[in-house]
Amino acid sequence: MSTQNTESLTRSKAGALSTADVARRHVLFKGLGKGAAAATVLTVGSRSAMATVACLSPSASASINLTHSRPGRPGGSCANGRTPGFWQNASSTHPADWASSGAEGKLFSVCFLSGFPGKTLKQVMWMSGGEDPQQLGAHLSAAWCNLQMGWVDSTVLSLEVLRAMWAGQNNYSPVVGVTWTRDQTVTYLKTTMPL
């Protein structure tokens, strides 16, 4: 593109033309070439698929970053989901919520069909990382309580999905061809626990 063409393009869009504008466009269109400028623009918006996904089912969040590819896509509600830290102390700090969740005395192995024999959900939430690597059991316990309270929509999580996460542990597969580690599963569960 010639300097004259660049000037007319700039004037038609911005009115007055500065020398700096002409110089920038001259470098952009002649010095670097159109392909280099386009490649630079395309790499700026790169994001992780799990970085901003919240309130979507595991399969939706694993597929693609739907918040950017399909704006306005309905997700379920998880605006009230609470963390393991909330639920650990809920029997004394929020007794009505604790009672309503039905978690008192509930064994982890009953809720999730295996794991932590003889331990309640509350006891699992209090375990250290050595006893519960990446605190998957703690986050699943909190997710179970949130689901019982209706604080996470059943379109986002269900008891069956939570059980599949526990059964899969280091190889949970939210969709065919995608496998999450314990860390990735916990990262996802945290997106359902904003409070």
C-alpha atoms as a PDB file:
ATOM      1  CA  MET A   1       0.000   0.000   0.000  1.00  0.00           C
ATOM      2  CA  SER A   2       1.501   3.351  -0.927  1.00  0.00           C
ATOM      3  CA  THR A   3       1.910   6.247   1.466  1.00  0.00           C
ATOM      4  CA  GLN A   4      -0.635   8.175  -0.591  1.00  0.00           C
ATOM      5  CA  ASN A   5      -3.236   5.396  -0.202  1.00  0.00           C
ATOM      6  CA  THR A   6      -2.494   5.180   3.522  1.00  0.00           C
ATOM      7  CA  GLU A   7      -2.992   8.931   3.865  1.00  0.00           C
ATOM      8  CA  SER A   8      -6.349   8.901   2.109  1.00  0.00           C
ATOM      9  CA  LEU A   9      -7.494   5.919   4.198  1.00  0.00           C
ATOM     10  CA  THR A  10      -6.450   7.639   7.424  1.00  0.00           C
ATOM     11  CA  ARG A  11      -8.022  10.961   6.447  1.00  0.00           C
ATOM     12  CA  SER A  12     -11.320   9.348   5.543  1.00  0.00           C
ATOM     13  CA  LYS A  13     -11.586   7.710   8.971  1.00  0.00           C
ATOM     14  CA  ALA A  14      -9.999  10.212  11.299  1.00  0.00           C
ATOM     15  CA  GLY A  15     -10.076  13.587   9.543  1.00  0.00           C
ATOM     16  CA  ALA A  16      -6.666  15.188  10.161  1.00  0.00           C
ATOM     17  CA  LEU A  17      -3.542  13.156   9.402  1.00  0.00           C
ATOM     18  CA  SER A  18      -0.438  13.306  11.549  1.00  0.00           C
ATOM     19  CA  THR A  19       3.061  12.432  10.367  1.00  0.00           C
ATOM     20  CA  ALA A  20       3.225   9.728  13.051  1.00  0.00           C
ATOM     21  CA  ASP A  21       0.064   8.095  11.670  1.00  0.00           C
ATOM     22  CA  VAL A  22       1.538   7.942   8.189  1.00  0.00           C
ATOM     23  CA  ALA A  23       4.789   6.503   9.522  1.00  0.00           C
ATOM     24  CA  ARG A  24       3.016   3.808  11.582  1.00  0.00           C
ATOM     25  CA  ARG A  25       0.836   2.708   8.698  1.00  0.00           C
ATOM     26  CA  HIS A  26       3.766   2.730   6.320  1.00  0.00           C
ATOM     27  CA  VAL A  27       5.673   0.361   8.631  1.00  0.00           C
ATOM     28  CA  LEU A  28       2.613  -1.790   9.250  1.00  0.00           C
ATOM     29  CA  PHE A  29       1.648  -2.255   5.606  1.00  0.00           C
ATOM     30  CA  LYS A  30       5.033  -2.129   3.862  1.00  0.00           C
ATOM     31  CA  GLY A  31       7.717  -3.014   6.404  1.00  0.00           C
ATOM     32  CA  LEU A  32       6.026  -5.938   8.162  1.00  0.00           C
ATOM     33  CA  GLY A  33       3.588  -6.994   5.480  1.00  0.00           C
ATOM     34  CA  LYS A  34      -0.104  -7.689   5.883  1.00  0.00           C
ATOM     35  CA  GLY A  35       0.384 -11.305   7.038  1.00  0.00           C
ATOM     36  CA  ALA A  36       2.531 -10.367  10.044  1.00  0.00           C
ATOM     37  CA  ALA A  37       0.044  -7.740  11.183  1.00  0.00           C
ATOM     38  CA  ALA A  38      -2.845 -10.204  10.946  1.00  0.00           C
ATOM     39  CA  ALA A  39      -0.935 -12.920  12.850  1.00  0.00           C
ATOM     40  CA  THR A  40      -0.191 -10.485  15.657  1.00  0.00           C
ATOM     41  CA  VAL A  41      -3.854  -9.590  16.042  1.00  0.00           C
ATOM     42  CA  LEU A  42      -4.939 -13.240  16.072  1.00  0.00           C
ATOM     43  CA  THR A  43      -2.617 -14.285  18.911  1.00  0.00           C
ATOM     44  CA  VAL A  44      -3.612 -11.538  21.343  1.00  0.00           C
ATOM     45  CA  GLY A  45      -6.881 -13.121  22.555  1.00  0.00           C
ATOM     46  CA  SER A  46      -5.611 -16.604  23.418  1.00  0.00           C
ATOM     47  CA  ARG A  47      -7.144 -18.058  26.639  1.00  0.00           C
ATOM     48  CA  SER A  48      -7.270 -21.288  28.545  1.00  0.00           C
ATOM     49  CA  ALA A  49     -10.518 -23.199  28.059  1.00  0.00           C
ATOM     50  CA  MET A  50     -11.042 -23.440  31.853  1.00  0.00           C
ATOM     51  CA  ALA A  51      -9.840 -19.941  32.729  1.00  0.00           C
ATOM     52  CA  THR A  52     -13.158 -18.122  32.707  1.00  0.00           C
ATOM     53  CA  VAL A  53     -15.778 -20.838  32.625  1.00  0.00           C
ATOM     54  CA  ALA A  54     -18.235 -20.730  35.497  1.00  0.00           C
ATOM     55  CA  CYS A  55     -21.694 -22.166  36.050  1.00  0.00           C
ATOM     56  CA  LEU A  56     -21.459 -24.609  33.175  1.00  0.00           C
ATOM     57  CA  SER A  57     -21.623 -28.368  33.317  1.00  0.00           C
ATOM     58  CA  PRO A  58     -18.269 -30.197  33.276  1.00  0.00           C
ATOM     59  CA  SER A  59     -18.832 -31.348  29.688  1.00  0.00           C
ATOM     60  CA  ALA A  60     -19.565 -27.800  28.510  1.00  0.00           C
ATOM     61  CA  SER A  61     -16.537 -26.331  30.262  1.00  0.00           C
ATOM     62  CA  ALA A  62     -14.273 -29.083  28.905  1.00  0.00           C
ATOM     63  CA  SER A  63     -15.437 -28.747  25.313  1.00  0.00           C
ATOM     64  CA  ILE A  64     -14.541 -25.141  24.500  1.00  0.00           C
ATOM     65  CA  ASN A  65     -14.537 -21.762  26.153  1.00  0.00           C
ATOM     66  CA  LEU A  66     -18.250 -21.157  25.605  1.00  0.00           C
ATOM     67  CA  THR A  67     -18.325 -17.793  27.354  1.00  0.00           C
ATOM     68  CA  HIS A  68     -16.474 -16.314  24.370  1.00  0.00           C
ATOM     69  CA  SER A  69     -17.521 -18.543  21.484  1.00  0.00           C
ATOM     70  CA  ARG A  70     -21.258 -18.418  22.183  1.00  0.00           C
ATOM     71  CA  PRO A  71     -22.113 -15.304  24.207  1.00  0.00           C
ATOM     72  CA  GLY A  72     -25.479 -15.385  25.868  1.00  0.00           C
ATOM     73  CA  ARG A  73     -25.456 -19.192  26.160  1.00  0.00           C
ATOM     74  CA  PRO A  74     -27.545 -20.069  29.187  1.00  0.00           C
ATOM     75  CA  GLY A  75     -25.687 -21.649  32.042  1.00  0.00           C
ATOM     76  CA  GLY A  76     -27.111 -22.979  35.243  1.00  0.00           C
ATOM     77  CA  SER A  77     -27.046 -21.024  38.450  1.00  0.00           C
ATOM     78  CA  CYS A  78     -24.295 -21.503  40.991  1.00  0.00           C
ATOM     79  CA  ALA A  79     -24.249 -17.999  42.418  1.00  0.00           C
ATOM     80  CA  ASN A  80     -24.692 -19.305  45.964  1.00  0.00           C
ATOM     81  CA  GLY A  81     -22.286 -22.280  45.944  1.00  0.00           C
ATOM     82  CA  ARG A  82     -20.124 -22.362  49.098  1.00  0.00           C
ATOM     83  CA  THR A  83     -16.562 -23.601  49.590  1.00  0.00           C
ATOM     84  CA  PRO A  84     -15.351 -26.430  51.837  1.00  0.00           C
ATOM     85  CA  GLY A  85     -14.223 -23.705  54.281  1.00  0.00           C
ATOM     86  CA  PHE A  86     -17.807 -22.516  54.667  1.00  0.00           C
ATOM     87  CA  TRP A  87     -19.180 -26.029  55.163  1.00  0.00           C
ATOM     88  CA  GLN A  88     -16.449 -27.080  57.639  1.00  0.00           C
ATOM     89  CA  ASN A  89     -17.773 -24.589  60.159  1.00  0.00           C
ATOM     90  CA  ALA A  90     -21.407 -24.376  59.073  1.00  0.00           C
ATOM     91  CA  SER A  91     -22.712 -26.459  61.987  1.00  0.00           C
ATOM     92  CA  SER A  92     -21.660 -23.660  64.367  1.00  0.00           C
ATOM     93  CA  THR A  93     -21.643 -20.540  62.131  1.00  0.00           C
ATOM     94  CA  HIS A  94     -24.651 -21.304  59.920  1.00  0.00           C
ATOM     95  CA  PRO A  95     -26.571 -24.047  61.756  1.00  0.00           C
ATOM     96  CA  ALA A  96     -29.771 -23.637  59.707  1.00  0.00           C
ATOM     97  CA  ASP A  97     -27.855 -24.138  56.447  1.00  0.00           C
ATOM     98  CA  TRP A  98     -25.974 -27.101  57.902  1.00  0.00           C
ATOM     99  CA  ALA A  99     -29.206 -28.736  59.060  1.00  0.00           C
ATOM    100  CA  SER A 100     -30.968 -28.059  55.749  1.00  0.00           C
ATOM    101  CA  SER A 101     -28.122 -29.610  53.757  1.00  0.00           C
ATOM    102  CA  GLY A 102     -28.657 -32.978  55.432  1.00  0.00           C
ATOM    103  CA  ALA A 103     -24.893 -33.416  55.825  1.00  0.00           C
ATOM    104  CA  GLU A 104     -24.868 -34.032  59.592  1.00  0.00           C
ATOM    105  CA  GLY A 105     -23.489 -37.520  60.165  1.00  0.00           C
ATOM    106  CA  LYS A 106     -23.609 -38.330  56.421  1.00  0.00           C
ATOM    107  CA  LEU A 107     -20.800 -40.716  55.461  1.00  0.00           C
ATOM    108  CA  PHE A 108     -18.694 -39.823  52.430  1.00  0.00           C
ATOM    109  CA  SER A 109     -18.774 -43.453  51.287  1.00  0.00           C
ATOM    110  CA  VAL A 110     -22.581 -43.419  51.314  1.00  0.00           C
ATOM    111  CA  CYS A 111     -22.792 -40.220  49.235  1.00  0.00           C
ATOM    112  CA  PHE A 112     -20.070 -41.206  46.760  1.00  0.00           C
ATOM    113  CA  LEU A 113     -20.358 -45.023  46.935  1.00  0.00           C
ATOM    114  CA  SER A 114     -16.730 -45.448  48.082  1.00  0.00           C
ATOM    115  CA  GLY A 115     -13.807 -43.705  49.750  1.00  0.00           C
ATOM    116  CA  PHE A 116     -12.843 -42.572  53.235  1.00  0.00           C
ATOM    117  CA  PRO A 117     -14.471 -45.460  55.146  1.00  0.00           C
ATOM    118  CA  GLY A 118     -16.205 -44.337  58.330  1.00  0.00           C
ATOM    119  CA  LYS A 119     -15.549 -40.619  57.628  1.00  0.00           C
ATOM    120  CA  THR A 120     -18.372 -38.088  57.417  1.00  0.00           C
ATOM    121  CA  LEU A 121     -18.497 -35.354  54.797  1.00  0.00           C
ATOM    122  CA  LYS A 122     -17.479 -32.870  57.479  1.00  0.00           C
ATOM    123  CA  GLN A 123     -14.495 -34.996  58.541  1.00  0.00           C
ATOM    124  CA  VAL A 124     -13.359 -35.276  54.917  1.00  0.00           C
ATOM    125  CA  MET A 125     -13.564 -31.483  54.546  1.00  0.00           C
ATOM    126  CA  TRP A 126     -11.213 -31.154  57.542  1.00  0.00           C
ATOM    127  CA  MET A 127      -8.600 -33.600  56.150  1.00  0.00           C
ATOM    128  CA  SER A 128      -5.158 -32.368  55.180  1.00  0.00           C
ATOM    129  CA  GLY A 129      -3.750 -32.581  51.661  1.00  0.00           C
ATOM    130  CA  GLY A 130      -1.823 -35.743  52.530  1.00  0.00           C
ATOM    131  CA  GLU A 131      -5.023 -37.552  53.458  1.00  0.00           C
ATOM    132  CA  ASP A 132      -7.053 -36.002  50.622  1.00  0.00           C
ATOM    133  CA  PRO A 133      -4.718 -35.091  47.719  1.00  0.00           C
ATOM    134  CA  GLN A 134      -5.659 -31.733  46.140  1.00  0.00           C
ATOM    135  CA  GLN A 135      -8.657 -31.831  48.512  1.00  0.00           C
ATOM    136  CA  LEU A 136     -10.843 -33.510  45.904  1.00  0.00           C
ATOM    137  CA  GLY A 137     -12.905 -35.204  48.635  1.00  0.00           C
ATOM    138  CA  ALA A 138     -13.378 -31.873  50.438  1.00  0.00           C
ATOM    139  CA  HIS A 139     -14.547 -30.080  47.289  1.00  0.00           C
ATOM    140  CA  LEU A 140     -16.854 -32.939  46.332  1.00  0.00           C
ATOM    141  CA  SER A 141     -18.310 -32.866  49.864  1.00  0.00           C
ATOM    142  CA  ALA A 142     -18.946 -29.117  49.593  1.00  0.00           C
ATOM    143  CA  ALA A 143     -20.438 -29.590  46.105  1.00  0.00           C
ATOM    144  CA  TRP A 144     -22.753 -32.278  47.546  1.00  0.00           C
ATOM    145  CA  CYS A 145     -23.933 -29.844  50.256  1.00  0.00           C
ATOM    146  CA  ASN A 146     -24.426 -27.067  47.671  1.00  0.00           C
ATOM    147  CA  LEU A 147     -26.463 -29.421  45.494  1.00  0.00           C
ATOM    148  CA  GLN A 148     -28.653 -30.446  48.450  1.00  0.00           C
ATOM    149  CA  MET A 149     -29.323 -26.775  49.241  1.00  0.00           C
ATOM    150  CA  GLY A 150     -30.172 -25.932  45.613  1.00  0.00           C
ATOM    151  CA  TRP A 151     -27.274 -23.467  45.550  1.00  0.00           C
ATOM    152  CA  VAL A 152     -25.920 -25.107  42.400  1.00  0.00           C
ATOM    153  CA  ASP A 153     -28.376 -25.867  39.631  1.00  0.00           C
ATOM    154  CA  SER A 154     -28.830 -29.519  38.709  1.00  0.00           C
ATOM    155  CA  THR A 155     -28.058 -28.576  35.089  1.00  0.00           C
ATOM    156  CA  VAL A 156     -24.550 -27.680  36.275  1.00  0.00           C
ATOM    157  CA  LEU A 157     -23.896 -30.589  38.638  1.00  0.00           C
ATOM    158  CA  SER A 158     -25.782 -33.697  39.635  1.00  0.00           C
ATOM    159  CA  LEU A 159     -25.123 -36.419  42.180  1.00  0.00           C
ATOM    160  CA  GLU A 160     -24.250 -38.760  39.294  1.00  0.00           C
ATOM    161  CA  VAL A 161     -21.622 -36.313  37.974  1.00  0.00           C
ATOM    162  CA  LEU A 162     -20.131 -35.865  41.455  1.00  0.00           C
ATOM    163  CA  ARG A 163     -19.936 -39.642  41.864  1.00  0.00           C
ATOM    164  CA  ALA A 164     -18.288 -39.978  38.446  1.00  0.00           C
ATOM    165  CA  MET A 165     -15.710 -37.345  39.449  1.00  0.00           C
ATOM    166  CA  TRP A 166     -14.890 -39.336  42.582  1.00  0.00           C
ATOM    167  CA  ALA A 167     -14.805 -42.655  40.728  1.00  0.00           C
ATOM    168  CA  GLY A 168     -12.536 -41.169  38.043  1.00  0.00           C
ATOM    169  CA  GLN A 169     -10.318 -39.230  40.461  1.00  0.00           C
ATOM    170  CA  ASN A 170      -7.130 -38.878  38.384  1.00  0.00           C
ATOM    171  CA  ASN A 171      -8.854 -39.613  35.108  1.00  0.00           C
ATOM    172  CA  TYR A 172     -12.358 -38.122  35.178  1.00  0.00           C
ATOM    173  CA  SER A 173     -13.644 -37.704  31.628  1.00  0.00           C
ATOM    174  CA  PRO A 174     -16.279 -34.949  31.287  1.00  0.00           C
ATOM    175  CA  VAL A 175     -16.477 -35.581  27.507  1.00  0.00           C
ATOM    176  CA  VAL A 176     -15.034 -38.189  25.180  1.00  0.00           C
ATOM    177  CA  GLY A 177     -11.380 -37.455  24.488  1.00  0.00           C
ATOM    178  CA  VAL A 178     -10.879 -35.149  27.490  1.00  0.00           C
ATOM    179  CA  THR A 179      -9.498 -36.368  30.804  1.00  0.00           C
ATOM    180  CA  TRP A 180      -9.138 -34.230  33.912  1.00  0.00           C
ATOM    181  CA  THR A 181      -6.631 -34.799  36.698  1.00  0.00           C
ATOM    182  CA  ARG A 182      -7.577 -34.290  40.348  1.00  0.00           C
ATOM    183  CA  ASP A 183      -6.257 -30.714  40.099  1.00  0.00           C
ATOM    184  CA  GLN A 184      -8.388 -29.941  37.048  1.00  0.00           C
ATOM    185  CA  THR A 185     -11.479 -31.459  38.647  1.00  0.00           C
ATOM    186  CA  VAL A 186     -10.943 -29.345  41.789  1.00  0.00           C
ATOM    187  CA  THR A 187     -10.363 -26.253  39.609  1.00  0.00           C
ATOM    188  CA  TYR A 188     -13.704 -26.896  37.914  1.00  0.00           C
ATOM    189  CA  LEU A 189     -15.514 -27.507  41.218  1.00  0.00           C
ATOM    190  CA  LYS A 190     -14.196 -24.174  42.541  1.00  0.00           C
ATOM    191  CA  THR A 191     -16.004 -22.398  39.665  1.00  0.00           C
ATOM    192  CA  THR A 192     -19.271 -23.626  41.193  1.00  0.00           C
ATOM    193  CA  MET A 193     -18.349 -22.197  44.627  1.00  0.00           C
ATOM    194  CA  PRO A 194     -18.058 -18.411  44.279  1.00  0.00           C
ATOM    195  CA  LEU A 195     -18.923 -17.726  47.949  1.00  0.00           C
END
